[in-house]
C-alpha atoms as a PDB file:
ATOM      1  CA  MET A   1     -57.856 133.113  53.870  1.00  0.00           C
ATOM      2  CA  THR A   2     -54.284 132.119  54.609  1.00  0.00           C
ATOM      3  CA  GLY A   3     -51.306 131.799  52.294  1.00  0.00           C
ATOM      4  CA  LYS A   4     -48.906 128.865  51.910  1.00  0.00           C
ATOM      5  CA  HIS A   5     -46.489 130.437  54.484  1.00  0.00           C
ATOM      6  CA  TYR A   6     -49.280 130.627  57.226  1.00  0.00           C
ATOM      7  CA  ASN A   7     -47.854 129.388  60.507  1.00  0.00           C
ATOM      8  CA  TRP A   8     -44.245 129.430  59.198  1.00  0.00           C
ATOM      9  CA  HIS A   9     -42.910 130.015  62.635  1.00  0.00           C
ATOM     10  CA  LYS A  10     -44.141 126.542  63.825  1.00  0.00           C
ATOM     11  CA  SER A  11     -41.444 125.083  61.534  1.00  0.00           C
ATOM     12  CA  TRP A  12     -38.624 126.658  63.499  1.00  0.00           C
ATOM     13  CA  SER A  13     -37.030 125.698  66.875  1.00  0.00           C
ATOM     14  CA  ARG A  14     -33.775 126.359  68.826  1.00  0.00           C
ATOM     15  CA  ASP A  15     -31.527 123.473  69.763  1.00  0.00           C
ATOM     16  CA  GLN A  16     -29.478 123.118  72.994  1.00  0.00           C
ATOM     17  CA  ASP A  17     -26.547 124.958  71.365  1.00  0.00           C
ATOM     18  CA  GLY A  18     -28.616 127.943  70.507  1.00  0.00           C
ATOM     19  CA  HIS A  19     -28.821 127.387  66.863  1.00  0.00           C
ATOM     20  CA  LEU A  20     -32.047 127.655  64.840  1.00  0.00           C
ATOM     21  CA  VAL A  21     -33.339 124.419  63.257  1.00  0.00           C
ATOM     22  CA  HIS A  22     -35.988 124.241  60.509  1.00  0.00           C
ATOM     23  CA  THR A  23     -38.135 121.107  59.863  1.00  0.00           C
ATOM     24  CA  SER A  24     -36.347 120.760  56.549  1.00  0.00           C
ATOM     25  CA  GLY A  25     -33.128 119.933  58.378  1.00  0.00           C
ATOM     26  CA  LEU A  26     -31.518 123.316  57.790  1.00  0.00           C
ATOM     27  CA  ARG A  27     -29.458 124.631  60.709  1.00  0.00           C
ATOM     28  CA  VAL A  28     -28.890 128.304  61.089  1.00  0.00           C
ATOM     29  CA  LEU A  29     -25.955 129.292  63.232  1.00  0.00           C
ATOM     30  CA  VAL A  30     -26.617 132.548  65.196  1.00  0.00           C
ATOM     31  CA  LEU A  31     -23.355 134.593  65.570  1.00  0.00           C
ATOM     32  CA  PRO A  32     -23.806 137.697  67.764  1.00  0.00           C
ATOM     33  CA  GLY A  33     -21.399 140.563  67.198  1.00  0.00           C
ATOM     34  CA  GLU A  34     -21.190 144.107  68.616  1.00  0.00           C
ATOM     35  CA  GLY A  35     -24.499 145.788  67.529  1.00  0.00           C
ATOM     36  CA  PHE A  36     -25.356 143.068  64.910  1.00  0.00           C
ATOM     37  CA  THR A  37     -26.175 139.473  64.514  1.00  0.00           C
ATOM     38  CA  ASP A  38     -24.927 137.285  61.673  1.00  0.00           C
ATOM     39  CA  LEU A  39     -26.957 134.203  60.510  1.00  0.00           C
ATOM     40  CA  GLU A  40     -24.974 131.397  58.842  1.00  0.00           C
ATOM     41  CA  THR A  41     -26.142 128.081  57.517  1.00  0.00           C
ATOM     42  CA  ASP A  42     -24.377 124.938  58.756  1.00  0.00           C
ATOM     43  CA  ASP A  43     -22.605 123.194  55.843  1.00  0.00           C
ATOM     44  CA  ALA A  44     -23.696 119.729  56.927  1.00  0.00           C
ATOM     45  CA  SER A  45     -27.369 120.803  57.239  1.00  0.00           C
ATOM     46  CA  MET A  46     -27.199 122.419  53.753  1.00  0.00           C
ATOM     47  CA  ALA A  47     -26.475 118.950  52.263  1.00  0.00           C
ATOM     48  CA  ILE A  48     -29.451 117.512  54.152  1.00  0.00           C
ATOM     49  CA  PHE A  49     -31.603 120.379  53.022  1.00  0.00           C
ATOM     50  CA  GLN A  50     -30.639 120.009  49.386  1.00  0.00           C
ATOM     51  CA  ALA A  51     -31.218 116.221  49.411  1.00  0.00           C
ATOM     52  CA  ARG A  52     -34.689 116.594  50.981  1.00  0.00           C
ATOM     53  CA  GLU A  53     -35.782 119.355  48.585  1.00  0.00           C
ATOM     54  CA  THR A  54     -34.519 117.735  45.415  1.00  0.00           C
ATOM     55  CA  SER A  55     -36.186 114.449  46.454  1.00  0.00           C
ATOM     56  CA  ARG A  56     -39.487 116.492  46.644  1.00  0.00           C
ATOM     57  CA  GLY A  57     -38.925 117.562  43.089  1.00  0.00           C
ATOM     58  CA  VAL A  58     -37.639 121.047  43.693  1.00  0.00           C
ATOM     59  CA  PRO A  59     -35.425 122.188  40.740  1.00  0.00           C
ATOM     60  CA  LEU A  60     -31.868 123.098  41.550  1.00  0.00           C
ATOM     61  CA  HIS A  61     -32.238 126.660  40.343  1.00  0.00           C
ATOM     62  CA  ASP A  62     -35.037 127.218  43.074  1.00  0.00           C
ATOM     63  CA  LEU A  63     -32.920 125.987  46.038  1.00  0.00           C
ATOM     64  CA  ALA A  64     -30.979 129.265  46.390  1.00  0.00           C
ATOM     65  CA  ARG A  65     -34.304 131.292  46.677  1.00  0.00           C
ATOM     66  CA  ARG A  66     -35.687 128.815  49.176  1.00  0.00           C
ATOM     67  CA  VAL A  67     -32.590 129.137  51.458  1.00  0.00           C
ATOM     68  CA  GLN A  68     -32.732 132.972  51.143  1.00  0.00           C
ATOM     69  CA  ARG A  69     -36.416 132.800  52.328  1.00  0.00           C
ATOM     70  CA  LEU A  70     -35.498 130.350  55.249  1.00  0.00           C
ATOM     71  CA  ILE A  71     -32.727 132.746  56.355  1.00  0.00           C
ATOM     72  CA  ARG A  72     -35.206 135.655  56.425  1.00  0.00           C
ATOM     73  CA  GLU A  73     -37.596 133.454  58.375  1.00  0.00           C
ATOM     74  CA  ALA A  74     -34.751 132.520  60.747  1.00  0.00           C
ATOM     75  CA  GLN A  75     -33.927 136.083  61.324  1.00  0.00           C
ATOM     76  CA  GLU A  76     -37.635 137.048  62.118  1.00  0.00           C
ATOM     77  CA  TRP A  77     -38.046 133.897  64.315  1.00  0.00           C
ATOM     78  CA  HIS A  78     -34.832 134.751  66.216  1.00  0.00           C
ATOM     79  CA  LEU A  79     -35.971 138.300  66.785  1.00  0.00           C
ATOM     80  CA  ARG A  80     -39.397 137.133  68.095  1.00  0.00           C
ATOM     81  CA  ASN A  81     -37.978 134.305  70.286  1.00  0.00           C
ATOM     82  CA  PRO A  82     -34.879 135.583  72.101  1.00  0.00           C
END
């Protein structure tokens, strides 16, 4: 039996600039540092993500948790797909 997040990795891709892109429109900027990697959301894509999610009926108070989950997914996808 599979959960609702089965095949989550198929929703992610990398664009030509090296940023991670989710099917929801959220873009995650990968900022490598010395011994660490920061993941940062693109401001324009956050507006697209919020509009898409609220049009689907997601309450505003759930958006922060969804973004946090997507950032964790982006980190995992980045580590698996260098």
